[in-house]
Amino acid sequence: MAESSRKPFLLRLDDRLLDALRRWADDDLRSLNGQIEFLLRKALKEAGRLKDTRAGPDPVSPPRKIP
């Protein structure tokens, strides 16, 4: 299987939305980019619009909390 590529793009967000996403990412021990990708991937999977063929752990699994 070919490795999936990541493509950068500009995303403009309202300040309040960005702050809320940043706090949520911090709570889940993710980067802001990782949190946005997690939420998009989860929404696409739930809507039946993403067929994830990547190997490895489920990309929408919850983050591991450090005790």
PDB file of N, CA and C in Angstrom:
ATOM      1  N   MET A   1       0.849  -1.177   0.000  1.00  0.00           N
ATOM      2  CA  MET A   1       0.000   0.000   0.000  1.00  0.00           C
ATOM      3  C   MET A   1       0.892   1.237   0.000  1.00  0.00           C
ATOM      4  N   ALA A   2       0.565   2.196  -0.815  1.00  0.00           N
ATOM      5  CA  ALA A   2       1.338   3.433  -0.884  1.00  0.00           C
ATOM      6  C   ALA A   2       1.086   4.266   0.364  1.00  0.00           C
ATOM      7  N   GLU A   3       2.117   4.972   0.780  1.00  0.00           N
ATOM      8  CA  GLU A   3       1.993   5.826   1.945  1.00  0.00           C
ATOM      9  C   GLU A   3       1.117   7.030   1.594  1.00  0.00           C
ATOM     10  N   SER A   4       0.188   7.383   2.465  1.00  0.00           N
ATOM     11  CA  SER A   4      -0.670   8.523   2.166  1.00  0.00           C
ATOM     12  C   SER A   4       0.139   9.810   2.318  1.00  0.00           C
ATOM     13  N   SER A   5      -0.133  10.767   1.457  1.00  0.00           N
ATOM     14  CA  SER A   5       0.591  12.029   1.535  1.00  0.00           C
ATOM     15  C   SER A   5      -0.250  13.046   2.290  1.00  0.00           C
ATOM     16  N   ARG A   6       0.423  13.973   2.879  1.00  0.00           N
ATOM     17  CA  ARG A   6      -0.253  15.053   3.597  1.00  0.00           C
ATOM     18  C   ARG A   6      -0.007  16.327   2.828  1.00  0.00           C
ATOM     19  N   LYS A   7      -1.055  17.077   2.625  1.00  0.00           N
ATOM     20  CA  LYS A   7      -0.958  18.304   1.856  1.00  0.00           C
ATOM     21  C   LYS A   7      -1.333  19.486   2.739  1.00  0.00           C
ATOM     22  N   PRO A   8      -0.462  20.472   2.817  1.00  0.00           N
ATOM     23  CA  PRO A   8      -0.783  21.652   3.624  1.00  0.00           C
ATOM     24  C   PRO A   8      -1.807  22.539   2.910  1.00  0.00           C
ATOM     25  N   PHE A   9      -2.623  23.226   3.706  1.00  0.00           N
ATOM     26  CA  PHE A   9      -3.556  24.202   3.155  1.00  0.00           C
ATOM     27  C   PHE A   9      -3.889  25.224   4.232  1.00  0.00           C
ATOM     28  N   LEU A  10      -4.324  26.368   3.791  1.00  0.00           N
ATOM     29  CA  LEU A  10      -4.676  27.448   4.695  1.00  0.00           C
ATOM     30  C   LEU A  10      -6.122  27.276   5.162  1.00  0.00           C
ATOM     31  N   LEU A  11      -6.335  27.434   6.459  1.00  0.00           N
ATOM     32  CA  LEU A  11      -7.681  27.349   7.026  1.00  0.00           C
ATOM     33  C   LEU A  11      -7.915  28.587   7.873  1.00  0.00           C
ATOM     34  N   ARG A  12      -8.910  29.345   7.519  1.00  0.00           N
ATOM     35  CA  ARG A  12      -9.246  30.546   8.287  1.00  0.00           C
ATOM     36  C   ARG A  12     -10.400  30.222   9.227  1.00  0.00           C
ATOM     37  N   LEU A  13     -10.195  30.528  10.508  1.00  0.00           N
ATOM     38  CA  LEU A  13     -11.214  30.249  11.519  1.00  0.00           C
ATOM     39  C   LEU A  13     -11.464  31.488  12.360  1.00  0.00           C
ATOM     40  N   ASP A  14     -12.673  31.607  12.836  1.00  0.00           N
ATOM     41  CA  ASP A  14     -13.035  32.642  13.789  1.00  0.00           C
ATOM     42  C   ASP A  14     -12.188  32.453  15.050  1.00  0.00           C
ATOM     43  N   ASP A  15     -11.798  33.552  15.684  1.00  0.00           N
ATOM     44  CA  ASP A  15     -10.947  33.492  16.878  1.00  0.00           C
ATOM     45  C   ASP A  15     -11.539  32.629  17.989  1.00  0.00           C
ATOM     46  N   ARG A  16     -12.845  32.742  18.219  1.00  0.00           N
ATOM     47  CA  ARG A  16     -13.479  31.957  19.287  1.00  0.00           C
ATOM     48  C   ARG A  16     -13.445  30.472  18.976  1.00  0.00           C
ATOM     49  N   LEU A  17     -13.676  30.127  17.708  1.00  0.00           N
ATOM     50  CA  LEU A  17     -13.622  28.719  17.300  1.00  0.00           C
ATOM     51  C   LEU A  17     -12.207  28.177  17.452  1.00  0.00           C
ATOM     52  N   LEU A  18     -11.233  28.952  17.021  1.00  0.00           N
ATOM     53  CA  LEU A  18      -9.840  28.527  17.128  1.00  0.00           C
ATOM     54  C   LEU A  18      -9.434  28.330  18.589  1.00  0.00           C
ATOM     55  N   ASP A  19      -9.826  29.253  19.454  1.00  0.00           N
ATOM     56  CA  ASP A  19      -9.503  29.123  20.883  1.00  0.00           C
ATOM     57  C   ASP A  19     -10.150  27.884  21.490  1.00  0.00           C
ATOM     58  N   ALA A  20     -11.401  27.620  21.141  1.00  0.00           N
ATOM     59  CA  ALA A  20     -12.095  26.437  21.664  1.00  0.00           C
ATOM     60  C   ALA A  20     -11.415  25.159  21.172  1.00  0.00           C
ATOM     61  N   LEU A  21     -11.028  25.126  19.901  1.00  0.00           N
ATOM     62  CA  LEU A  21     -10.321  23.956  19.366  1.00  0.00           C
ATOM     63  C   LEU A  21      -8.967  23.762  20.041  1.00  0.00           C
ATOM     64  N   ARG A  22      -8.276  24.856  20.290  1.00  0.00           N
ATOM     65  CA  ARG A  22      -6.965  24.783  20.947  1.00  0.00           C
ATOM     66  C   ARG A  22      -7.100  24.224  22.368  1.00  0.00           C
ATOM     67  N   ARG A  23      -8.113  24.696  23.111  1.00  0.00           N
ATOM     68  CA  ARG A  23      -8.332  24.175  24.476  1.00  0.00           C
ATOM     69  C   ARG A  23      -8.680  22.691  24.443  1.00  0.00           C
ATOM     70  N   TRP A  24      -9.526  22.293  23.491  1.00  0.00           N
ATOM     71  CA  TRP A  24      -9.930  20.893  23.357  1.00  0.00           C
ATOM     72  C   TRP A  24      -8.715  20.036  23.009  1.00  0.00           C
ATOM     73  N   ALA A  25      -7.884  20.518  22.111  1.00  0.00           N
ATOM     74  CA  ALA A  25      -6.670  19.788  21.738  1.00  0.00           C
ATOM     75  C   ALA A  25      -5.763  19.609  22.956  1.00  0.00           C
ATOM     76  N   ASP A  26      -5.611  20.663  23.748  1.00  0.00           N
ATOM     77  CA  ASP A  26      -4.788  20.572  24.957  1.00  0.00           C
ATOM     78  C   ASP A  26      -5.362  19.539  25.929  1.00  0.00           C
ATOM     79  N   ASP A  27      -6.671  19.547  26.100  1.00  0.00           N
ATOM     80  CA  ASP A  27      -7.320  18.587  26.997  1.00  0.00           C
ATOM     81  C   ASP A  27      -7.102  17.146  26.533  1.00  0.00           C
ATOM     82  N   ASP A  28      -7.086  16.937  25.214  1.00  0.00           N
ATOM     83  CA  ASP A  28      -6.920  15.594  24.642  1.00  0.00           C
ATOM     84  C   ASP A  28      -5.466  15.238  24.342  1.00  0.00           C
ATOM     85  N   LEU A  29      -4.539  16.115  24.773  1.00  0.00           N
ATOM     86  CA  LEU A  29      -3.105  15.888  24.573  1.00  0.00           C
ATOM     87  C   LEU A  29      -2.755  15.721  23.087  1.00  0.00           C
ATOM     88  N   ARG A  30      -3.354  16.572  22.254  1.00  0.00           N
ATOM     89  CA  ARG A  30      -3.082  16.564  20.818  1.00  0.00           C
ATOM     90  C   ARG A  30      -2.608  17.938  20.398  1.00  0.00           C
ATOM     91  N   SER A  31      -1.950  17.997  19.253  1.00  0.00           N
ATOM     92  CA  SER A  31      -1.654  19.289  18.644  1.00  0.00           C
ATOM     93  C   SER A  31      -2.953  19.836  18.075  1.00  0.00           C
ATOM     94  N   LEU A  32      -2.974  21.121  17.805  1.00  0.00           N
ATOM     95  CA  LEU A  32      -4.164  21.723  17.202  1.00  0.00           C
ATOM     96  C   LEU A  32      -4.443  21.077  15.852  1.00  0.00           C
ATOM     97  N   ASN A  33      -3.416  20.900  15.046  1.00  0.00           N
ATOM     98  CA  ASN A  33      -3.582  20.263  13.744  1.00  0.00           C
ATOM     99  C   ASN A  33      -4.115  18.833  13.908  1.00  0.00           C
ATOM    100  N   GLY A  34      -3.557  18.094  14.855  1.00  0.00           N
ATOM    101  CA  GLY A  34      -4.007  16.728  15.101  1.00  0.00           C
ATOM    102  C   GLY A  34      -5.459  16.672  15.544  1.00  0.00           C
ATOM    103  N   GLN A  35      -5.876  17.647  16.351  1.00  0.00           N
ATOM    104  CA  GLN A  35      -7.269  17.685  16.824  1.00  0.00           C
ATOM    105  C   GLN A  35      -8.216  17.969  15.665  1.00  0.00           C
ATOM    106  N   ILE A  36      -7.861  18.920  14.813  1.00  0.00           N
ATOM    107  CA  ILE A  36      -8.714  19.241  13.673  1.00  0.00           C
ATOM    108  C   ILE A  36      -8.824  18.035  12.754  1.00  0.00           C
ATOM    109  N   GLU A  37      -7.691  17.374  12.502  1.00  0.00           N
ATOM    110  CA  GLU A  37      -7.717  16.183  11.648  1.00  0.00           C
ATOM    111  C   GLU A  37      -8.553  15.073  12.287  1.00  0.00           C
ATOM    112  N   PHE A  38      -8.413  14.885  13.591  1.00  0.00           N
ATOM    113  CA  PHE A  38      -9.181  13.883  14.317  1.00  0.00           C
ATOM    114  C   PHE A  38     -10.681  14.136  14.165  1.00  0.00           C
ATOM    115  N   LEU A  39     -11.102  15.391  14.369  1.00  0.00           N
ATOM    116  CA  LEU A  39     -12.523  15.724  14.291  1.00  0.00           C
ATOM    117  C   LEU A  39     -13.067  15.578  12.873  1.00  0.00           C
ATOM    118  N   LEU A  40     -12.297  15.993  11.889  1.00  0.00           N
ATOM    119  CA  LEU A  40     -12.736  15.843  10.497  1.00  0.00           C
ATOM    120  C   LEU A  40     -12.845  14.368  10.118  1.00  0.00           C
ATOM    121  N   ARG A  41     -11.839  13.588  10.498  1.00  0.00           N
ATOM    122  CA  ARG A  41     -11.836  12.157  10.173  1.00  0.00           C
ATOM    123  C   ARG A  41     -13.022  11.453  10.851  1.00  0.00           C
ATOM    124  N   LYS A  42     -13.290  11.799  12.119  1.00  0.00           N
ATOM    125  CA  LYS A  42     -14.403  11.196  12.859  1.00  0.00           C
ATOM    126  C   LYS A  42     -15.740  11.545  12.204  1.00  0.00           C
ATOM    127  N   ALA A  43     -15.925  12.814  11.842  1.00  0.00           N
ATOM    128  CA  ALA A  43     -17.174  13.245  11.208  1.00  0.00           C
ATOM    129  C   ALA A  43     -17.367  12.547   9.863  1.00  0.00           C
ATOM    130  N   LEU A  44     -16.302  12.433   9.084  1.00  0.00           N
ATOM    131  CA  LEU A  44     -16.393  11.757   7.785  1.00  0.00           C
ATOM    132  C   LEU A  44     -16.719  10.280   7.948  1.00  0.00           C
ATOM    133  N   LYS A  45     -16.092   9.635   8.931  1.00  0.00           N
ATOM    134  CA  LYS A  45     -16.345   8.212   9.163  1.00  0.00           C
ATOM    135  C   LYS A  45     -17.782   7.989   9.609  1.00  0.00           C
ATOM    136  N   GLU A  46     -18.276   8.829  10.537  1.00  0.00           N
ATOM    137  CA  GLU A  46     -19.652   8.700  11.026  1.00  0.00           C
ATOM    138  C   GLU A  46     -20.672   8.952   9.918  1.00  0.00           C
ATOM    139  N   ALA A  47     -20.324   9.801   8.955  1.00  0.00           N
ATOM    140  CA  ALA A  47     -21.233  10.101   7.844  1.00  0.00           C
ATOM    141  C   ALA A  47     -21.107   9.083   6.719  1.00  0.00           C
ATOM    142  N   GLY A  48     -20.212   8.113   6.885  1.00  0.00           N
ATOM    143  CA  GLY A  48     -20.015   7.099   5.863  1.00  0.00           C
ATOM    144  C   GLY A  48     -19.321   7.630   4.621  1.00  0.00           C
ATOM    145  N   ARG A  49     -18.556   8.690   4.775  1.00  0.00           N
ATOM    146  CA  ARG A  49     -17.889   9.307   3.634  1.00  0.00           C
ATOM    147  C   ARG A  49     -16.383   9.059   3.618  1.00  0.00           C
ATOM    148  N   LEU A  50     -15.876   8.253   4.530  1.00  0.00           N
ATOM    149  CA  LEU A  50     -14.448   7.968   4.579  1.00  0.00           C
ATOM    150  C   LEU A  50     -14.235   6.477   4.673  1.00  0.00           C
ATOM    151  N   LYS A  51     -13.531   5.949   3.698  1.00  0.00           N
ATOM    152  CA  LYS A  51     -13.120   4.553   3.746  1.00  0.00           C
ATOM    153  C   LYS A  51     -11.650   4.570   4.124  1.00  0.00           C
ATOM    154  N   ASP A  52     -11.351   4.275   5.371  1.00  0.00           N
ATOM    155  CA  ASP A  52      -9.982   4.343   5.876  1.00  0.00           C
ATOM    156  C   ASP A  52      -9.299   3.010   5.659  1.00  0.00           C
ATOM    157  N   THR A  53      -8.312   2.997   4.804  1.00  0.00           N
ATOM    158  CA  THR A  53      -7.595   1.759   4.494  1.00  0.00           C
ATOM    159  C   THR A  53      -6.211   1.734   5.109  1.00  0.00           C
ATOM    160  N   ARG A  54      -5.899   2.719   5.937  1.00  0.00           N
ATOM    161  CA  ARG A  54      -4.567   2.752   6.549  1.00  0.00           C
ATOM    162  C   ARG A  54      -4.417   1.638   7.578  1.00  0.00           C
ATOM    163  N   ALA A  55      -3.218   1.131   7.678  1.00  0.00           N
ATOM    164  CA  ALA A  55      -2.920   0.116   8.693  1.00  0.00           C
ATOM    165  C   ALA A  55      -2.677   0.819  10.021  1.00  0.00           C
ATOM    166  N   GLY A  56      -2.771   0.088  11.086  1.00  0.00           N
ATOM    167  CA  GLY A  56      -2.472   0.650  12.389  1.00  0.00           C
ATOM    168  C   GLY A  56      -3.729   0.903  13.192  1.00  0.00           C
ATOM    169  N   PRO A  57      -3.589   1.647  14.296  1.00  0.00           N
ATOM    170  CA  PRO A  57      -4.733   1.882  15.180  1.00  0.00           C
ATOM    171  C   PRO A  57      -5.801   2.727  14.499  1.00  0.00           C
ATOM    172  N   ASP A  58      -7.012   2.569  14.957  1.00  0.00           N
ATOM    173  CA  ASP A  58      -8.140   3.326  14.448  1.00  0.00           C
ATOM    174  C   ASP A  58      -7.867   4.817  14.645  1.00  0.00           C
ATOM    175  N   PRO A  59      -7.880   5.629  13.558  1.00  0.00           N
ATOM    176  CA  PRO A  59      -7.547   7.044  13.701  1.00  0.00           C
ATOM    177  C   PRO A  59      -8.581   7.841  14.476  1.00  0.00           C
ATOM    178  N   VAL A  60      -9.757   7.283  14.759  1.00  0.00           N
ATOM    179  CA  VAL A  60     -10.739   8.026  15.530  1.00  0.00           C
ATOM    180  C   VAL A  60     -10.849   7.501  16.959  1.00  0.00           C
ATOM    181  N   SER A  61      -9.892   6.685  17.368  1.00  0.00           N
ATOM    182  CA  SER A  61      -9.936   6.205  18.743  1.00  0.00           C
ATOM    183  C   SER A  61      -9.600   7.362  19.685  1.00  0.00           C
ATOM    184  N   PRO A  62     -10.138   7.337  20.892  1.00  0.00           N
ATOM    185  CA  PRO A  62      -9.870   8.424  21.815  1.00  0.00           C
ATOM    186  C   PRO A  62      -8.394   8.452  22.205  1.00  0.00           C
ATOM    187  N   PRO A  63      -7.909   9.608  22.613  1.00  0.00           N
ATOM    188  CA  PRO A  63      -6.499   9.705  22.989  1.00  0.00           C
ATOM    189  C   PRO A  63      -6.225   8.938  24.273  1.00  0.00           C
ATOM    190  N   ARG A  64      -5.000   8.519  24.418  1.00  0.00           N
ATOM    191  CA  ARG A  64      -4.599   7.855  25.653  1.00  0.00           C
ATOM    192  C   ARG A  64      -4.270   8.920  26.681  1.00  0.00           C
ATOM    193  N   LYS A  65      -4.843   8.799  27.852  1.00  0.00           N
ATOM    194  CA  LYS A  65      -4.563   9.745  28.928  1.00  0.00           C
ATOM    195  C   LYS A  65      -3.374   9.227  29.740  1.00  0.00           C
ATOM    196  N   ILE A  66      -2.521  10.138  30.095  1.00  0.00           N
ATOM    197  CA  ILE A  66      -1.364   9.790  30.912  1.00  0.00           C
ATOM    198  C   ILE A  66      -1.791   9.856  32.369  1.00  0.00           C
ATOM    199  N   PRO A  67      -1.620   8.732  33.111  1.00  0.00           N
ATOM    200  CA  PRO A  67      -2.075   8.715  34.503  1.00  0.00           C
ATOM    201  C   PRO A  67      -1.287   9.660  35.394  1.00  0.00           C
TER     202      PRO A  67
END
